[in-house]
């Protein structure tokens, strides 16, 4: 089987899976909104705490990797 045919089948299969997932999600009204909405509901102090803890964990991770 030619390589281009395999490539077309794989890409077509991925498109088909995406279409089927989208169709089922719309039909069953699945929530697929992965935006930062919960972050907007936090108070300013909670957002600052979250940001500082993320920066601290990043610094700790970089320190252990070097």
N, C-alpha and C. Protein backbone atom coordinates (compact mmCIF):
# COMPACT_ATOMS: atom_id res chain seq x y z
N UNK A 1 0.85 -1.17 0.00
CA UNK A 1 0.00 0.00 0.00
C UNK A 1 0.90 1.24 0.00
N UNK A 2 0.65 2.19 -0.87
CA UNK A 2 1.49 3.38 -0.95
C UNK A 2 1.41 4.21 0.35
N UNK A 3 2.51 4.89 0.61
CA UNK A 3 2.60 5.70 1.82
C UNK A 3 1.54 6.80 1.85
N UNK A 4 1.28 7.44 0.72
CA UNK A 4 0.32 8.54 0.70
C UNK A 4 -1.08 8.05 1.04
N UNK A 5 -1.40 6.82 0.67
CA UNK A 5 -2.71 6.27 0.98
C UNK A 5 -2.85 6.02 2.48
N UNK A 6 -1.81 5.51 3.10
CA UNK A 6 -1.81 5.31 4.56
C UNK A 6 -1.96 6.65 5.26
N UNK A 7 -1.23 7.65 4.78
CA UNK A 7 -1.30 8.98 5.37
C UNK A 7 -2.70 9.57 5.25
N UNK A 8 -3.31 9.43 4.09
CA UNK A 8 -4.67 9.93 3.88
C UNK A 8 -5.66 9.20 4.79
N UNK A 9 -5.49 7.89 4.94
CA UNK A 9 -6.39 7.12 5.81
C UNK A 9 -6.25 7.54 7.28
N UNK A 10 -5.02 7.76 7.73
CA UNK A 10 -4.80 8.17 9.12
C UNK A 10 -5.40 9.55 9.36
N UNK A 11 -5.12 10.49 8.49
CA UNK A 11 -5.65 11.85 8.66
C UNK A 11 -7.17 11.85 8.54
N UNK A 12 -7.69 11.10 7.60
CA UNK A 12 -9.15 10.99 7.46
C UNK A 12 -9.79 10.36 8.69
N UNK A 13 -9.14 9.36 9.26
CA UNK A 13 -9.65 8.74 10.48
C UNK A 13 -9.67 9.70 11.65
N UNK A 14 -8.63 10.52 11.76
CA UNK A 14 -8.60 11.52 12.82
C UNK A 14 -9.71 12.55 12.65
N UNK A 15 -9.91 12.99 11.42
CA UNK A 15 -11.02 13.92 11.16
C UNK A 15 -12.36 13.29 11.48
N UNK A 16 -12.52 12.04 11.14
CA UNK A 16 -13.78 11.34 11.43
C UNK A 16 -14.01 11.22 12.93
N UNK A 17 -12.96 10.87 13.68
CA UNK A 17 -13.09 10.80 15.14
C UNK A 17 -13.45 12.16 15.73
N UNK A 18 -12.82 13.21 15.24
CA UNK A 18 -13.13 14.56 15.72
C UNK A 18 -14.55 14.95 15.41
N UNK A 19 -15.01 14.61 14.21
CA UNK A 19 -16.39 14.91 13.83
C UNK A 19 -17.38 14.15 14.71
N UNK A 20 -17.11 12.87 14.94
CA UNK A 20 -18.02 12.07 15.78
C UNK A 20 -18.04 12.58 17.22
N UNK A 21 -16.89 12.96 17.76
CA UNK A 21 -16.85 13.50 19.12
C UNK A 21 -17.62 14.81 19.18
N UNK A 22 -17.42 15.68 18.21
CA UNK A 22 -18.12 16.96 18.19
C UNK A 22 -19.62 16.75 18.07
N UNK A 23 -20.03 15.81 17.22
CA UNK A 23 -21.45 15.52 17.05
C UNK A 23 -22.06 15.01 18.35
N UNK A 24 -21.38 14.08 19.02
CA UNK A 24 -21.90 13.54 20.28
C UNK A 24 -21.91 14.60 21.37
N UNK A 25 -20.88 15.45 21.40
CA UNK A 25 -20.81 16.50 22.42
C UNK A 25 -21.95 17.49 22.26
N UNK A 26 -22.26 17.85 21.04
CA UNK A 26 -23.37 18.79 20.82
C UNK A 26 -24.71 18.13 21.12
N UNK A 27 -24.82 16.87 20.79
CA UNK A 27 -26.09 16.17 21.01
C UNK A 27 -26.37 15.95 22.48
N UNK A 28 -25.34 15.61 23.25
CA UNK A 28 -25.52 15.33 24.68
C UNK A 28 -25.22 16.54 25.54
N UNK A 29 -24.89 17.67 24.89
CA UNK A 29 -24.60 18.93 25.58
C UNK A 29 -23.47 18.78 26.59
N UNK A 30 -22.40 18.10 26.18
CA UNK A 30 -21.22 17.98 27.03
C UNK A 30 -20.55 19.33 27.13
N UNK A 31 -20.02 19.64 28.30
CA UNK A 31 -19.31 20.91 28.48
C UNK A 31 -17.86 20.69 28.07
N UNK A 32 -17.43 21.37 27.02
CA UNK A 32 -16.06 21.23 26.55
C UNK A 32 -15.34 22.58 26.54
N UNK A 33 -15.80 23.51 27.36
CA UNK A 33 -15.18 24.83 27.42
C UNK A 33 -14.06 24.79 28.44
N UNK A 34 -12.83 24.81 27.97
CA UNK A 34 -11.68 24.69 28.85
C UNK A 34 -10.97 26.03 29.03
N UNK A 35 -11.72 27.11 29.05
CA UNK A 35 -11.12 28.43 29.24
C UNK A 35 -10.77 28.64 30.70
N UNK A 36 -10.22 29.78 31.00
CA UNK A 36 -9.77 30.09 32.36
C UNK A 36 -10.89 30.73 33.16
N UNK A 37 -12.12 30.33 32.95
CA UNK A 37 -13.25 30.93 33.65
C UNK A 37 -13.17 30.81 35.16
N UNK A 38 -12.81 29.66 35.74
CA UNK A 38 -12.73 29.59 37.20
C UNK A 38 -11.69 30.55 37.78
N UNK A 39 -10.65 30.83 37.02
CA UNK A 39 -9.62 31.75 37.49
C UNK A 39 -10.20 33.15 37.66
N UNK A 40 -11.16 33.53 36.84
CA UNK A 40 -11.74 34.86 36.91
C UNK A 40 -12.64 35.02 38.13
N UNK A 41 -13.10 33.94 38.72
CA UNK A 41 -13.99 34.02 39.86
C UNK A 41 -13.23 34.14 41.18
N UNK A 42 -11.92 34.05 41.14
CA UNK A 42 -11.11 34.14 42.35
C UNK A 42 -10.90 35.60 42.74
N UNK A 43 -10.71 35.82 44.03
CA UNK A 43 -10.39 37.17 44.49
C UNK A 43 -8.95 37.50 44.09
N UNK A 44 -8.60 38.75 44.20
CA UNK A 44 -7.26 39.19 43.83
C UNK A 44 -6.20 38.49 44.66
N UNK A 45 -6.44 38.36 45.95
CA UNK A 45 -5.44 37.72 46.81
C UNK A 45 -5.27 36.24 46.45
N UNK A 46 -6.35 35.58 46.09
CA UNK A 46 -6.25 34.17 45.70
C UNK A 46 -5.49 34.01 44.38
N UNK A 47 -5.71 34.93 43.45
CA UNK A 47 -4.98 34.87 42.19
C UNK A 47 -3.49 35.12 42.41
N UNK A 48 -3.16 36.09 43.29
CA UNK A 48 -1.76 36.37 43.59
C UNK A 48 -1.11 35.16 44.24
N UNK A 49 -1.82 34.54 45.19
CA UNK A 49 -1.29 33.34 45.86
C UNK A 49 -1.04 32.23 44.84
N UNK A 50 -2.00 31.99 43.94
CA UNK A 50 -1.84 30.94 42.92
C UNK A 50 -0.65 31.23 42.03
N UNK A 51 -0.51 32.48 41.60
CA UNK A 51 0.60 32.83 40.72
C UNK A 51 1.94 32.66 41.43
N UNK A 52 2.01 33.10 42.68
CA UNK A 52 3.27 32.97 43.43
C UNK A 52 3.62 31.51 43.68
N UNK A 53 2.62 30.69 43.97
CA UNK A 53 2.92 29.28 44.21
C UNK A 53 3.36 28.58 42.91
N UNK A 54 2.77 28.97 41.77
CA UNK A 54 3.21 28.41 40.49
C UNK A 54 4.64 28.84 40.17
N UNK A 55 4.97 30.10 40.44
CA UNK A 55 6.33 30.56 40.20
C UNK A 55 7.32 29.85 41.11
N UNK A 56 6.93 29.63 42.37
CA UNK A 56 7.82 28.94 43.31
C UNK A 56 8.05 27.50 42.88
N UNK A 57 7.00 26.83 42.45
CA UNK A 57 7.17 25.44 42.01
C UNK A 57 8.03 25.38 40.74
N UNK A 58 7.91 26.37 39.87
CA UNK A 58 8.74 26.42 38.67
C UNK A 58 10.21 26.63 39.06
N UNK A 59 10.46 27.53 40.00
CA UNK A 59 11.83 27.76 40.46
C UNK A 59 12.40 26.50 41.10
N UNK A 60 11.61 25.83 41.92
CA UNK A 60 12.06 24.59 42.56
C UNK A 60 12.36 23.51 41.52
N UNK A 61 11.52 23.43 40.51
CA UNK A 61 11.71 22.44 39.45
C UNK A 61 12.97 22.75 38.67
N UNK A 62 13.20 24.02 38.35
CA UNK A 62 14.41 24.39 37.62
C UNK A 62 15.65 24.14 38.45
N UNK A 63 15.55 24.37 39.73
CA UNK A 63 16.71 24.18 40.62
C UNK A 63 17.11 22.70 40.67
N UNK A 64 16.14 21.81 40.70
CA UNK A 64 16.42 20.38 40.80
C UNK A 64 16.91 19.79 39.48
N UNK A 65 16.56 20.45 38.37
CA UNK A 65 16.95 19.94 37.05
C UNK A 65 18.34 20.37 36.63
N UNK A 66 18.92 21.37 37.30
CA UNK A 66 20.23 21.85 36.87
C UNK A 66 21.37 21.13 37.51
